[in-house]
Protein backbone atom coordinates (compact mmCIF):
# COMPACT_ATOMS: atom_id res chain seq x y z
CA MET A 1 -12.98 17.71 -1.97
CA ASN A 2 -11.56 14.48 -1.01
CA SER A 3 -13.11 11.73 -3.43
CA ILE A 4 -12.89 10.88 -7.09
CA SER A 5 -15.48 9.55 -8.96
CA THR A 6 -13.64 7.87 -11.52
CA GLY A 7 -10.65 6.99 -9.45
CA ILE A 8 -11.30 3.17 -9.04
CA SER A 9 -12.39 2.37 -12.51
CA SER A 10 -9.39 4.82 -13.86
CA THR A 11 -6.97 2.84 -12.18
CA LYS A 12 -8.32 -0.69 -12.78
CA LYS A 13 -8.36 -0.03 -16.17
CA MET A 14 -4.31 0.76 -15.65
CA TYR A 15 -3.73 -2.69 -14.05
CA LEU A 16 -5.17 -4.26 -16.98
CA THR A 17 -3.01 -2.17 -19.27
CA VAL A 18 0.35 -0.67 -19.26
CA GLU A 19 0.72 -1.49 -15.53
CA PHE A 20 -0.07 -5.56 -15.91
CA ASP A 21 3.06 -7.21 -16.50
CA LEU A 22 4.69 -5.04 -13.75
CA TRP A 23 2.63 -6.10 -11.38
CA ALA A 24 2.08 -9.40 -12.75
CA TYR A 25 4.83 -10.81 -13.18
CA LYS A 26 7.50 -8.95 -10.60
CA LYS A 27 9.28 -10.86 -8.72
CA GLU A 28 12.38 -8.86 -6.90
CA LEU A 29 11.55 -7.72 -3.12
CA LEU A 30 13.29 -4.24 -1.59
CA PRO A 31 15.25 -4.83 1.46
CA GLU A 32 12.57 -3.19 3.24
CA GLU A 33 10.19 -5.12 2.62
CA ARG A 34 12.19 -8.50 3.34
CA PHE A 35 12.89 -6.69 6.44
CA MET A 36 9.88 -6.31 7.88
CA ILE A 37 8.61 -9.37 7.06
CA GLU A 38 11.41 -11.04 8.65
CA THR A 39 11.41 -9.49 11.55
CA TYR A 40 7.99 -8.47 12.19
CA LEU A 41 5.60 -11.71 11.09
CA ASP A 42 5.47 -15.07 12.25
CA LYS A 43 5.59 -17.55 9.80
CA ASN A 44 3.36 -20.58 11.56
CA LEU A 45 0.30 -17.55 11.52
CA LYS A 46 -2.59 -17.56 9.14
CA THR A 47 -1.31 -14.58 7.01
CA VAL A 48 -2.95 -12.78 4.68
CA ASP A 49 -1.57 -10.69 1.63
CA ALA A 50 -3.68 -7.38 0.53
CA GLY A 51 -3.21 -6.42 -3.24
CA THR A 52 -1.22 -9.62 -4.15
CA GLY A 53 -0.72 -8.41 -7.58
CA GLY A 54 1.19 -11.76 -9.00
CA GLY A 55 1.58 -13.04 -5.39
CA ARG A 56 5.25 -11.30 -5.29
CA LEU A 57 5.09 -11.42 -1.69
CA ALA A 58 3.20 -14.43 -0.84
CA SER A 59 5.80 -16.20 -2.77
CA TYR A 60 8.45 -15.14 -0.71
CA MET A 61 6.76 -15.63 2.29
CA LYS A 62 6.23 -19.06 1.06
CA SER A 63 10.02 -19.82 0.68
CA LEU A 64 10.54 -18.88 3.93
CA GLY A 65 8.15 -21.30 5.05
CA PHE A 66 5.08 -19.63 6.27
CA ALA A 67 2.56 -22.77 5.53
CA ASN A 68 -0.87 -20.73 5.86
CA LEU A 69 -1.27 -17.86 3.47
CA TYR A 70 -4.00 -16.23 1.62
CA GLY A 71 -3.96 -12.94 -0.64
CA PHE A 72 -6.38 -11.02 -2.38
CA ASP A 73 -6.60 -8.54 -5.14
CA TYR A 74 -9.41 -6.81 -6.90
CA VAL A 75 -7.77 -7.51 -10.28
CA PRO A 76 -8.98 -11.38 -11.41
CA GLU A 77 -6.62 -11.36 -14.06
CA PHE A 78 -3.76 -10.73 -11.09
CA ILE A 79 -5.07 -13.82 -9.45
CA GLU A 80 -5.23 -15.62 -12.58
CA VAL A 81 -1.32 -15.03 -12.85
CA ALA A 82 -0.77 -15.61 -9.05
CA LYS A 83 -2.59 -18.94 -8.41
CA THR A 84 -0.31 -20.01 -11.85
CA ARG A 85 2.82 -18.99 -10.33
CA ASP A 86 1.94 -20.97 -6.96
CA THR A 87 2.70 -24.41 -8.86
CA THR A 88 2.36 -26.62 -4.98
CA LYS A 89 -1.03 -24.71 -4.67
CA SER A 90 -0.40 -24.14 -1.09
CA ILE A 91 -1.53 -20.35 -1.28
CA SER A 92 -5.08 -19.29 -1.14
CA PHE A 93 -5.57 -16.74 -3.39
CA ALA A 94 -9.12 -15.03 -4.17
CA VAL A 95 -10.54 -11.70 -5.96
CA GLU A 96 -11.79 -9.18 -3.15
CA ASP A 97 -12.35 -5.70 -3.20
CA ALA A 98 -10.05 -4.24 -0.11
CA THR A 99 -12.63 -1.80 1.14
CA LYS A 100 -15.69 -4.80 1.28
CA LEU A 101 -13.92 -8.04 1.96
CA THR A 102 -15.80 -11.14 2.34
CA TYR A 103 -13.20 -12.93 5.19
CA ASN A 104 -15.39 -13.56 8.29
CA ASP A 105 -14.09 -11.40 11.31
CA CYS A 106 -10.67 -11.90 13.27
CA GLU A 107 -10.04 -14.45 10.80
CA PHE A 108 -6.21 -13.97 10.32
CA GLU A 109 -3.50 -13.46 13.09
CA GLN A 110 -1.23 -11.00 10.51
CA VAL A 111 -2.67 -9.60 7.51
CA VAL A 112 0.02 -6.99 5.25
CA TYR A 113 -0.87 -4.39 3.35
CA MET A 114 2.23 -3.79 2.07
CA GLN A 115 2.39 -2.77 -1.33
CA GLN A 116 0.82 0.97 -0.94
CA ILE A 117 -2.63 -0.83 -1.42
CA MET A 118 -4.06 2.22 0.66
CA CYS A 119 -2.46 4.86 -1.63
CA CYS A 120 -3.98 3.32 -4.72
CA ILE A 121 -7.53 3.75 -3.56
CA GLU A 122 -8.85 7.06 -4.45
CA ASP A 123 -11.70 7.67 -2.42
CA GLU A 124 -11.33 8.90 1.16
CA VAL A 125 -14.56 6.99 2.28
CA GLY A 126 -12.51 4.29 0.38
CA ARG A 127 -9.63 4.22 2.28
CA LEU A 128 -11.34 4.51 5.44
CA ASN A 129 -13.22 1.33 4.75
CA ALA A 130 -10.13 -0.38 3.49
CA PHE A 131 -8.64 0.49 6.81
CA LYS A 132 -11.33 -0.92 8.89
CA GLU A 133 -11.92 -3.87 7.05
CA ALA A 134 -8.04 -4.70 7.84
CA TYR A 135 -9.09 -4.01 11.08
CA ARG A 136 -11.97 -6.43 11.35
CA ILE A 137 -10.26 -9.75 9.85
CA LEU A 138 -7.73 -9.52 11.90
CA LYS A 139 -7.37 -11.46 15.10
CA LYS A 140 -7.16 -9.62 18.68
CA GLY A 141 -3.47 -9.59 19.14
CA GLY A 142 -2.45 -10.15 15.34
CA THR A 143 -0.30 -8.23 13.29
CA ALA A 144 -0.96 -5.28 10.84
CA ILE A 145 1.52 -4.23 8.77
CA PHE A 146 1.10 -1.02 6.64
CA SER A 147 2.72 1.18 3.88
CA PHE A 148 2.04 4.49 2.23
CA LEU A 149 3.75 6.73 -0.16
CA ASN A 150 5.20 9.75 2.18
CA PHE A 151 4.16 12.91 0.64
CA ASP A 152 6.23 14.95 3.17
CA ALA A 153 9.51 12.98 1.42
CA SER A 154 8.34 13.76 -2.00
CA ASP A 155 7.71 17.14 -1.48
CA ARG A 156 11.37 17.86 -0.49
CA GLN A 157 12.97 16.27 -3.01
CA ILE A 158 14.57 18.79 -6.05
CA PHE A 159 12.18 17.43 -8.69
CA CYS A 160 8.66 16.92 -7.21
CA ARG A 161 8.61 20.60 -5.43
CA PRO A 162 8.77 22.63 -8.98
CA TYR A 163 6.11 19.89 -10.00
CA LEU A 164 3.64 19.88 -7.13
CA ALA A 165 3.89 23.77 -7.28
CA TYR A 166 2.95 23.16 -11.30
CA LEU A 167 0.21 20.44 -10.37
CA SER A 168 -1.38 23.51 -7.60
CA LEU A 169 -1.44 25.83 -10.38
CA LEU A 170 -2.81 24.24 -12.81
CA ARG A 171 -5.95 22.69 -10.71
CA LYS A 172 -6.21 26.32 -9.76
CA LEU A 173 -6.41 27.96 -13.03
CA ARG A 174 -8.94 24.62 -13.81
CA ASN A 175 -11.12 25.18 -10.27
CA HIS A 176 -10.20 21.73 -9.82
CA LYS A 177 -10.32 21.44 -6.20
CA LEU A 178 -8.34 18.30 -5.37
CA SER A 179 -5.94 17.84 -2.64
CA ILE A 180 -2.51 18.00 -3.96
CA GLN A 181 -2.08 14.88 -2.00
CA TYR A 182 -3.72 12.98 -5.08
CA ILE A 183 -0.81 12.96 -7.84
CA PRO A 184 -0.93 11.41 -11.21
CA ARG A 185 1.22 8.72 -11.96
CA PHE A 186 4.87 9.78 -13.02
CA LYS A 187 5.46 6.45 -14.85
CA PHE A 188 3.55 3.28 -16.33
CA ALA A 189 5.74 0.65 -16.69
CA ASP A 190 8.74 2.51 -16.09
CA LYS A 191 8.16 5.04 -18.89
CA LEU A 192 7.28 8.74 -18.22
CA ASN A 193 3.50 9.07 -17.81
CA LEU A 194 2.74 12.52 -20.28
CA GLY A 195 -0.84 12.55 -19.31
CA SER A 196 0.55 13.23 -15.30
CA LEU A 197 1.82 16.71 -17.17
CA LEU A 198 -2.09 17.49 -17.81
CA ASP A 199 -2.92 16.19 -14.32
CA LYS A 200 -4.93 13.21 -15.72
CA PRO A 201 -5.99 10.01 -13.67
CA PRO A 202 -5.37 7.57 -12.48
CA TYR A 203 -4.21 9.45 -9.12
CA LEU A 204 -2.28 7.65 -5.92
CA TYR A 205 -2.74 9.31 -2.68
CA TRP A 206 0.43 10.51 -1.12
CA TYR A 207 -0.13 10.02 3.10
CA ARG A 208 1.70 12.34 5.30
CA LEU A 209 3.03 10.74 8.22
CA GLU A 210 0.75 11.98 11.34
CA GLU A 211 -1.88 11.74 8.74
CA ALA A 212 -1.05 7.98 8.27
CA TYR A 213 -0.60 7.73 12.24
CA GLN A 214 -3.99 9.42 13.41
CA MET A 215 -5.83 7.20 10.58
CA ILE A 216 -4.41 3.96 12.03
CA LYS A 217 -4.78 5.04 15.65
CA ALA A 218 -9.15 6.17 14.98
CA VAL A 219 -9.37 2.73 13.65
CA ASN A 220 -8.19 1.40 17.38
CA PHE A 221 -4.65 -0.43 15.80
CA GLU A 222 -1.98 -0.06 18.26
CA ILE A 223 1.22 0.99 17.03
CA ILE A 224 4.08 -0.69 17.82
CA ALA A 225 6.37 0.15 15.44
CA LEU A 226 6.98 3.15 12.71
CA GLY A 227 9.69 4.12 10.19
CA SER A 228 10.23 5.19 6.77
CA ASP A 229 13.09 3.14 4.24
CA PHE A 230 15.78 5.25 6.18
CA GLN A 231 15.02 3.66 9.37
CA ALA A 232 13.61 -0.41 7.98
CA ILE A 233 17.41 -0.43 5.89
CA GLN A 234 19.27 0.35 9.13
CA GLY A 235 17.14 -2.09 11.08
CA LYS A 236 15.74 -0.28 13.41
CA MET A 237 12.33 1.38 13.48
CA ALA A 238 11.19 3.72 15.66
CA THR A 239 8.53 2.72 18.56
CA SER A 240 7.06 6.35 18.69
CA LEU A 241 6.04 9.40 16.72
CA GLU A 242 7.94 11.52 18.64
CA THR A 243 11.03 9.95 18.39
CA LEU A 244 10.57 9.10 14.19
CA GLN A 245 10.05 12.90 13.94
CA GLN A 246 13.72 13.21 15.45
CA GLN A 247 15.36 10.71 12.64
CA PRO A 248 15.60 11.05 8.84
CA ILE A 249 12.72 10.22 7.35
CA GLU A 250 13.31 8.95 3.33
CA GLY A 251 10.97 7.10 0.97
CA MET A 252 8.42 5.07 1.90
CA LEU A 253 6.37 4.79 5.53
CA TYR A 254 6.13 1.71 7.37
CA PHE A 255 3.70 0.85 10.15
CA VAL A 256 3.33 -2.48 12.65
CA CYS A 257 0.23 -2.33 14.44
CA LYS A 258 -0.98 -4.69 16.59
CA LYS A 259 -5.34 -4.96 17.19
């Protein structure tokens, strides 16, 4: 069983409360995010930022000269903050659900799914629909960028190994048939979430490298570059899964795709 009936509501409630200020007002970008945007996106093309939150990535792209920008999030309060931040009103922000968008087919030349938005969708069918929607709204020949939480990297970390073993045992004792790749959030607003010790939602879904690769291929994207934080920081992404698997894989996963 890979679905959670209360997933979306618990995640949305979290964003409206304990995590609101963090994602609404955060401004800083990671070096990896800057690299992906500046290397693979064209500022002259129509671009949408998925799961925009308070408009952090969209605002950065605007500062680079992106002239035709859109952003969406399923939390209306985030969109209100994003609109306030955009003092020139040049970015078109909207409330949208990534699993069922109202944008037209082939509306965008670039789509950016780079705040691990897919990992926040706790239902397997919902994630598949979100991938399909990303493909649908992208123009033929357009570019898509995805980022994912990396389960395999977390599994190697000293802290995560005992925690995942504990989580597996707890679920077994409770007869909770949930994939170990669903992990409760360790922190809320940079503070320890004690609920994670009790296996309480909301969960994040952490992808395995080959799983993310196969999912993207399954919805017909062509993968032109892929890597982890390690490759992005080095400024050298892999061009095939086999090549990447021979390199260090650390931190987030990134995929650059064409339709």
